[in-house]
Amino acid sequence: MAKYDLVEIFESLQGEGRNMGRPCVFVRFAGCNLACPWCDTDVSCRFSETLDELLNEISGFRAKSVVLTGGEPTLVDAMPEFVAALKERGYWIAVETNGTNDAEWLQFVDYVACSPKSEFPESVALTRADEVRVVASSEDIVGFCRDIRGRIAATDYYVSPCERGGEIDFATAKSVLSQLDGWSLSVQLHKLLGFR
């Protein structure tokens, strides 16, 4: 029986992008295929659960929206079974991905938020998403953003400020946005308001 390697499961509000403020159950999967220098997420496995255990835990929360995040959820082999089981139970499903793996099961979820990394421009495989979010790690990402807009079809395109050592760099994000047409700012509301 397949087990899912996990970092954490918790209920909160979506803190960024078009669905900001939506109550969700966040399922953070362990493991990532990239190593971004500014990443603030520990993706080492803390526990593993079977499909039934995972579904049982999610059912204990009130929210009927689930965000599959990581790490990188498209690397999870048994994800199609999990997605199918969530849909069968009536959940709205969003995925947060770095876009390096165009997994077939993504077509069965309700929302795909892709956050391609400018440090790994050739790794992007996804060609369609609901929203694209690029972290403004430096002012040099303007060209990357323009390139990504041509490679990934999406409804919304966002620039997110980079956080380093607890400081959120809004100045760089603002400068990047001033050079792009059709992009908006996406802040991590949960960090600004101090919730998880």
C-alpha atoms as a PDB file:
ATOM      1  CA  MET A   1       0.000   0.000   0.000  1.00  0.00           C
ATOM      2  CA  ALA A   2       1.374   3.382  -1.036  1.00  0.00           C
ATOM      3  CA  LYS A   3       2.333   5.863   1.632  1.00  0.00           C
ATOM      4  CA  TYR A   4       2.536   9.618   1.212  1.00  0.00           C
ATOM      5  CA  ASP A   5       5.622  11.371   2.603  1.00  0.00           C
ATOM      6  CA  LEU A   6       4.482  14.575   4.288  1.00  0.00           C
ATOM      7  CA  VAL A   7       5.813  17.672   6.014  1.00  0.00           C
ATOM      8  CA  GLU A   8       2.557  18.957   7.520  1.00  0.00           C
ATOM      9  CA  ILE A   9      -1.235  19.154   7.192  1.00  0.00           C
ATOM     10  CA  PHE A  10      -3.060  22.183   8.529  1.00  0.00           C
ATOM     11  CA  GLU A  11      -6.082  24.411   7.961  1.00  0.00           C
ATOM     12  CA  SER A  12      -5.692  28.114   7.228  1.00  0.00           C
ATOM     13  CA  LEU A  13      -6.526  30.798   4.655  1.00  0.00           C
ATOM     14  CA  GLN A  14      -4.862  30.877   1.253  1.00  0.00           C
ATOM     15  CA  GLY A  15      -2.350  33.676   1.621  1.00  0.00           C
ATOM     16  CA  GLU A  16      -1.527  34.571  -1.974  1.00  0.00           C
ATOM     17  CA  GLY A  17      -2.729  34.738  -5.556  1.00  0.00           C
ATOM     18  CA  ARG A  18      -6.294  34.885  -6.884  1.00  0.00           C
ATOM     19  CA  ASN A  19      -7.687  32.683  -4.086  1.00  0.00           C
ATOM     20  CA  MET A  20      -6.263  34.818  -1.273  1.00  0.00           C
ATOM     21  CA  GLY A  21      -8.453  34.554   1.818  1.00  0.00           C
ATOM     22  CA  ARG A  22     -10.081  31.228   0.881  1.00  0.00           C
ATOM     23  CA  PRO A  23     -10.263  28.719   3.790  1.00  0.00           C
ATOM     24  CA  CYS A  24      -8.211  25.658   2.802  1.00  0.00           C
ATOM     25  CA  VAL A  25      -6.625  22.504   4.130  1.00  0.00           C
ATOM     26  CA  PHE A  26      -2.955  22.606   3.156  1.00  0.00           C
ATOM     27  CA  VAL A  27      -1.255  19.269   2.498  1.00  0.00           C
ATOM     28  CA  ARG A  28       2.491  19.847   2.255  1.00  0.00           C
ATOM     29  CA  PHE A  29       4.301  16.957   0.602  1.00  0.00           C
ATOM     30  CA  ALA A  30       7.963  16.223   1.295  1.00  0.00           C
ATOM     31  CA  GLY A  31      10.688  16.485  -1.310  1.00  0.00           C
ATOM     32  CA  CYS A  32      11.561  18.910  -4.082  1.00  0.00           C
ATOM     33  CA  ASN A  33      13.555  18.602  -7.287  1.00  0.00           C
ATOM     34  CA  LEU A  34      14.932  22.167  -7.037  1.00  0.00           C
ATOM     35  CA  ALA A  35      17.096  23.920  -4.455  1.00  0.00           C
ATOM     36  CA  CYS A  36      16.286  27.630  -4.607  1.00  0.00           C
ATOM     37  CA  PRO A  37      18.791  29.704  -2.589  1.00  0.00           C
ATOM     38  CA  TRP A  38      16.050  31.823  -0.967  1.00  0.00           C
ATOM     39  CA  CYS A  39      13.593  28.988  -0.186  1.00  0.00           C
ATOM     40  CA  ASP A  40      12.118  29.237   3.319  1.00  0.00           C
ATOM     41  CA  THR A  41      10.346  25.859   3.333  1.00  0.00           C
ATOM     42  CA  ASP A  42      11.708  22.740   5.036  1.00  0.00           C
ATOM     43  CA  VAL A  43      10.625  19.901   2.743  1.00  0.00           C
ATOM     44  CA  SER A  44      12.151  16.975   4.619  1.00  0.00           C
ATOM     45  CA  CYS A  45       9.732  14.149   5.441  1.00  0.00           C
ATOM     46  CA  ARG A  46       8.308  14.345   8.971  1.00  0.00           C
ATOM     47  CA  PHE A  47       5.734  11.550   8.711  1.00  0.00           C
ATOM     48  CA  SER A  48       4.036   9.231   6.205  1.00  0.00           C
ATOM     49  CA  GLU A  49       0.375   8.265   5.832  1.00  0.00           C
ATOM     50  CA  THR A  50      -1.652   5.853   3.739  1.00  0.00           C
ATOM     51  CA  LEU A  51      -4.405   7.190   1.474  1.00  0.00           C
ATOM     52  CA  ASP A  52      -7.081   6.302   4.036  1.00  0.00           C
ATOM     53  CA  GLU A  53      -5.147   7.946   6.872  1.00  0.00           C
ATOM     54  CA  LEU A  54      -4.650  11.090   4.812  1.00  0.00           C
ATOM     55  CA  LEU A  55      -8.310  11.313   3.802  1.00  0.00           C
ATOM     56  CA  ASN A  56      -9.407  10.723   7.383  1.00  0.00           C
ATOM     57  CA  GLU A  57      -7.196  13.537   8.655  1.00  0.00           C
ATOM     58  CA  ILE A  58      -8.440  15.977   5.993  1.00  0.00           C
ATOM     59  CA  SER A  59     -12.069  15.137   6.807  1.00  0.00           C
ATOM     60  CA  GLY A  60     -11.441  16.359  10.356  1.00  0.00           C
ATOM     61  CA  PHE A  61     -11.097  19.949   9.118  1.00  0.00           C
ATOM     62  CA  ARG A  62     -13.990  22.250   8.228  1.00  0.00           C
ATOM     63  CA  ALA A  63     -12.640  23.610   4.920  1.00  0.00           C
ATOM     64  CA  LYS A  64     -13.818  21.909   1.727  1.00  0.00           C
ATOM     65  CA  SER A  65     -10.897  23.248  -0.317  1.00  0.00           C
ATOM     66  CA  VAL A  66      -7.559  21.426  -0.354  1.00  0.00           C
ATOM     67  CA  VAL A  67      -4.209  22.848  -1.489  1.00  0.00           C
ATOM     68  CA  LEU A  68      -1.579  20.302  -2.532  1.00  0.00           C
ATOM     69  CA  THR A  69       1.780  21.962  -2.002  1.00  0.00           C
ATOM     70  CA  GLY A  70       5.341  21.142  -1.103  1.00  0.00           C
ATOM     71  CA  GLY A  71       8.018  20.604  -1.834  1.00  0.00           C
ATOM     72  CA  GLU A  72       6.819  19.573  -5.256  1.00  0.00           C
ATOM     73  CA  PRO A  73       3.515  17.630  -5.303  1.00  0.00           C
ATOM     74  CA  THR A  74       3.830  16.541  -8.956  1.00  0.00           C
ATOM     75  CA  LEU A  75       6.689  14.241  -7.902  1.00  0.00           C
ATOM     76  CA  VAL A  76       4.337  12.085  -5.780  1.00  0.00           C
ATOM     77  CA  ASP A  77       3.705   8.813  -7.651  1.00  0.00           C
ATOM     78  CA  ALA A  78       0.400   8.003  -5.933  1.00  0.00           C
ATOM     79  CA  MET A  79      -1.093  11.476  -6.424  1.00  0.00           C
ATOM     80  CA  PRO A  80      -3.688  10.409  -9.058  1.00  0.00           C
ATOM     81  CA  GLU A  81      -5.380   8.134  -6.499  1.00  0.00           C
ATOM     82  CA  PHE A  82      -5.383  10.895  -3.888  1.00  0.00           C
ATOM     83  CA  VAL A  83      -6.835  13.485  -6.291  1.00  0.00           C
ATOM     84  CA  ALA A  84      -9.543  11.046  -7.442  1.00  0.00           C
ATOM     85  CA  ALA A  85     -10.489  10.284  -3.817  1.00  0.00           C
ATOM     86  CA  LEU A  86     -10.712  13.992  -2.941  1.00  0.00           C
ATOM     87  CA  LYS A  87     -12.891  14.707  -5.988  1.00  0.00           C
ATOM     88  CA  GLU A  88     -15.153  11.787  -5.090  1.00  0.00           C
ATOM     89  CA  ARG A  89     -15.671  13.433  -1.689  1.00  0.00           C
ATOM     90  CA  GLY A  90     -16.552  16.807  -3.237  1.00  0.00           C
ATOM     91  CA  TYR A  91     -13.410  18.777  -2.440  1.00  0.00           C
ATOM     92  CA  TRP A  92     -12.190  21.756  -4.475  1.00  0.00           C
ATOM     93  CA  ILE A  93      -8.507  21.053  -5.222  1.00  0.00           C
ATOM     94  CA  ALA A  94      -5.659  23.457  -5.937  1.00  0.00           C
ATOM     95  CA  VAL A  95      -2.053  22.541  -6.678  1.00  0.00           C
ATOM     96  CA  GLU A  96       1.012  24.695  -6.091  1.00  0.00           C
ATOM     97  CA  THR A  97       3.813  23.546  -8.395  1.00  0.00           C
ATOM     98  CA  ASN A  98       7.162  24.791  -9.670  1.00  0.00           C
ATOM     99  CA  GLY A  99       6.117  23.750 -13.179  1.00  0.00           C
ATOM    100  CA  THR A 100       8.962  21.318 -13.815  1.00  0.00           C
ATOM    101  CA  ASN A 101       6.666  18.327 -14.270  1.00  0.00           C
ATOM    102  CA  ASP A 102       3.559  18.461 -16.475  1.00  0.00           C
ATOM    103  CA  ALA A 103       1.807  15.614 -14.646  1.00  0.00           C
ATOM    104  CA  GLU A 104      -1.264  14.209 -16.399  1.00  0.00           C
ATOM    105  CA  TRP A 105      -3.393  14.312 -13.237  1.00  0.00           C
ATOM    106  CA  LEU A 106      -3.182  18.134 -13.124  1.00  0.00           C
ATOM    107  CA  GLN A 107      -6.056  18.241 -15.631  1.00  0.00           C
ATOM    108  CA  PHE A 108      -8.358  16.793 -12.958  1.00  0.00           C
ATOM    109  CA  VAL A 109      -7.773  19.458 -10.288  1.00  0.00           C
ATOM    110  CA  ASP A 110      -9.705  22.733 -10.051  1.00  0.00           C
ATOM    111  CA  TYR A 111      -6.832  25.191  -9.896  1.00  0.00           C
ATOM    112  CA  VAL A 112      -3.124  25.167 -10.774  1.00  0.00           C
ATOM    113  CA  ALA A 113      -0.801  27.828  -9.363  1.00  0.00           C
ATOM    114  CA  CYS A 114       2.601  27.602 -11.034  1.00  0.00           C
ATOM    115  CA  SER A 115       5.653  29.259  -9.504  1.00  0.00           C
ATOM    116  CA  PRO A 116       8.506  28.783 -11.990  1.00  0.00           C
ATOM    117  CA  LYS A 117      11.970  29.591 -10.675  1.00  0.00           C
ATOM    118  CA  SER A 118      14.186  32.075 -12.469  1.00  0.00           C
ATOM    119  CA  GLU A 119      17.225  30.199 -11.107  1.00  0.00           C
ATOM    120  CA  PHE A 120      16.194  27.173 -13.209  1.00  0.00           C
ATOM    121  CA  PRO A 121      14.721  28.652 -16.420  1.00  0.00           C
ATOM    122  CA  GLU A 122      15.206  25.535 -18.546  1.00  0.00           C
ATOM    123  CA  SER A 123      13.384  23.295 -16.077  1.00  0.00           C
ATOM    124  CA  VAL A 124       9.883  24.626 -16.856  1.00  0.00           C
ATOM    125  CA  ALA A 125       7.717  21.967 -18.548  1.00  0.00           C
ATOM    126  CA  LEU A 126       4.194  23.155 -17.723  1.00  0.00           C
ATOM    127  CA  THR A 127       2.487  25.086 -20.531  1.00  0.00           C
ATOM    128  CA  ARG A 128      -0.852  25.969 -18.889  1.00  0.00           C
ATOM    129  CA  ALA A 129      -1.915  27.083 -15.402  1.00  0.00           C
ATOM    130  CA  ASP A 130      -4.603  29.201 -13.768  1.00  0.00           C
ATOM    131  CA  GLU A 131      -2.050  31.559 -12.289  1.00  0.00           C
ATOM    132  CA  VAL A 132       1.693  32.090 -12.496  1.00  0.00           C
ATOM    133  CA  ARG A 133       3.650  33.522  -9.555  1.00  0.00           C
ATOM    134  CA  VAL A 134       7.298  34.497  -9.909  1.00  0.00           C
ATOM    135  CA  VAL A 135       9.366  35.434  -6.867  1.00  0.00           C
ATOM    136  CA  ALA A 136      11.214  38.731  -7.331  1.00  0.00           C
ATOM    137  CA  SER A 137      14.550  37.380  -6.097  1.00  0.00           C
ATOM    138  CA  SER A 138      16.318  40.196  -8.024  1.00  0.00           C
ATOM    139  CA  GLU A 139      15.564  42.866 -10.638  1.00  0.00           C
ATOM    140  CA  ASP A 140      17.096  40.518 -13.214  1.00  0.00           C
ATOM    141  CA  ILE A 141      13.880  38.465 -13.379  1.00  0.00           C
ATOM    142  CA  VAL A 142      12.101  40.879 -15.742  1.00  0.00           C
ATOM    143  CA  GLY A 143      13.299  38.996 -18.827  1.00  0.00           C
ATOM    144  CA  PHE A 144      12.396  35.673 -17.209  1.00  0.00           C
ATOM    145  CA  CYS A 145       8.862  36.923 -16.504  1.00  0.00           C
ATOM    146  CA  ARG A 146       8.400  37.997 -20.125  1.00  0.00           C
ATOM    147  CA  ASP A 147       9.697  34.636 -21.328  1.00  0.00           C
ATOM    148  CA  ILE A 148       7.451  32.693 -18.931  1.00  0.00           C
ATOM    149  CA  ARG A 149       4.386  34.644 -20.043  1.00  0.00           C
ATOM    150  CA  GLY A 150       5.053  33.382 -23.561  1.00  0.00           C
ATOM    151  CA  ARG A 151       5.599  29.799 -22.387  1.00  0.00           C
ATOM    152  CA  ILE A 152       2.837  29.301 -19.793  1.00  0.00           C
ATOM    153  CA  ALA A 153      -0.725  30.284 -20.694  1.00  0.00           C
ATOM    154  CA  ALA A 154      -2.535  31.563 -17.592  1.00  0.00           C
ATOM    155  CA  THR A 155      -5.347  33.894 -16.556  1.00  0.00           C
ATOM    156  CA  ASP A 156      -3.298  35.774 -13.940  1.00  0.00           C
ATOM    157  CA  TYR A 157       0.405  36.594 -13.639  1.00  0.00           C
ATOM    158  CA  TYR A 158       1.890  37.713 -10.323  1.00  0.00           C
ATOM    159  CA  VAL A 159       5.203  38.902  -8.957  1.00  0.00           C
ATOM    160  CA  SER A 160       5.817  37.966  -5.320  1.00  0.00           C
ATOM    161  CA  PRO A 161       8.272  39.799  -3.069  1.00  0.00           C
ATOM    162  CA  CYS A 162      11.212  37.710  -1.897  1.00  0.00           C
ATOM    163  CA  GLU A 163      11.713  37.121   1.813  1.00  0.00           C
ATOM    164  CA  ARG A 164      15.210  36.802   3.215  1.00  0.00           C
ATOM    165  CA  GLY A 165      15.915  36.449   6.912  1.00  0.00           C
ATOM    166  CA  GLY A 166      12.434  37.576   7.882  1.00  0.00           C
ATOM    167  CA  GLU A 167      12.570  40.750   5.750  1.00  0.00           C
ATOM    168  CA  ILE A 168      10.122  41.052   2.817  1.00  0.00           C
ATOM    169  CA  ASP A 169      11.688  42.868  -0.154  1.00  0.00           C
ATOM    170  CA  PHE A 170       8.822  44.930  -1.579  1.00  0.00           C
ATOM    171  CA  ALA A 171      11.141  47.417  -3.325  1.00  0.00           C
ATOM    172  CA  THR A 172      12.507  44.872  -5.795  1.00  0.00           C
ATOM    173  CA  ALA A 173       9.014  43.510  -6.523  1.00  0.00           C
ATOM    174  CA  LYS A 174       7.742  47.047  -7.175  1.00  0.00           C
ATOM    175  CA  SER A 175      10.644  47.782  -9.514  1.00  0.00           C
ATOM    176  CA  VAL A 176      10.083  44.537 -11.434  1.00  0.00           C
ATOM    177  CA  LEU A 177       6.350  45.236 -11.776  1.00  0.00           C
ATOM    178  CA  SER A 178       7.023  48.712 -13.161  1.00  0.00           C
ATOM    179  CA  GLN A 179       8.756  47.037 -16.113  1.00  0.00           C
ATOM    180  CA  LEU A 180       6.033  44.460 -16.871  1.00  0.00           C
ATOM    181  CA  ASP A 181       2.612  44.832 -18.479  1.00  0.00           C
ATOM    182  CA  GLY A 182      -0.301  42.741 -17.218  1.00  0.00           C
ATOM    183  CA  TRP A 183       1.363  41.519 -14.015  1.00  0.00           C
ATOM    184  CA  SER A 184       0.163  42.180 -10.446  1.00  0.00           C
ATOM    185  CA  LEU A 185       1.630  41.990  -6.958  1.00  0.00           C
ATOM    186  CA  SER A 186       0.898  38.911  -4.847  1.00  0.00           C
ATOM    187  CA  VAL A 187       1.957  39.230  -1.223  1.00  0.00           C
ATOM    188  CA  GLN A 188       2.051  36.391   1.278  1.00  0.00           C
ATOM    189  CA  LEU A 189      -0.836  37.736   3.344  1.00  0.00           C
ATOM    190  CA  HIS A 190      -0.408  35.049   5.994  1.00  0.00           C
ATOM    191  CA  LYS A 191       3.093  36.323   6.764  1.00  0.00           C
ATOM    192  CA  LEU A 192       2.011  39.966   6.908  1.00  0.00           C
ATOM    193  CA  LEU A 193      -0.915  39.166   9.237  1.00  0.00           C
ATOM    194  CA  GLY A 194       1.015  36.633  11.304  1.00  0.00           C
ATOM    195  CA  PHE A 195      -1.029  33.506  10.668  1.00  0.00           C
ATOM    196  CA  ARG A 196       0.034  30.153   9.314  1.00  0.00           C
END
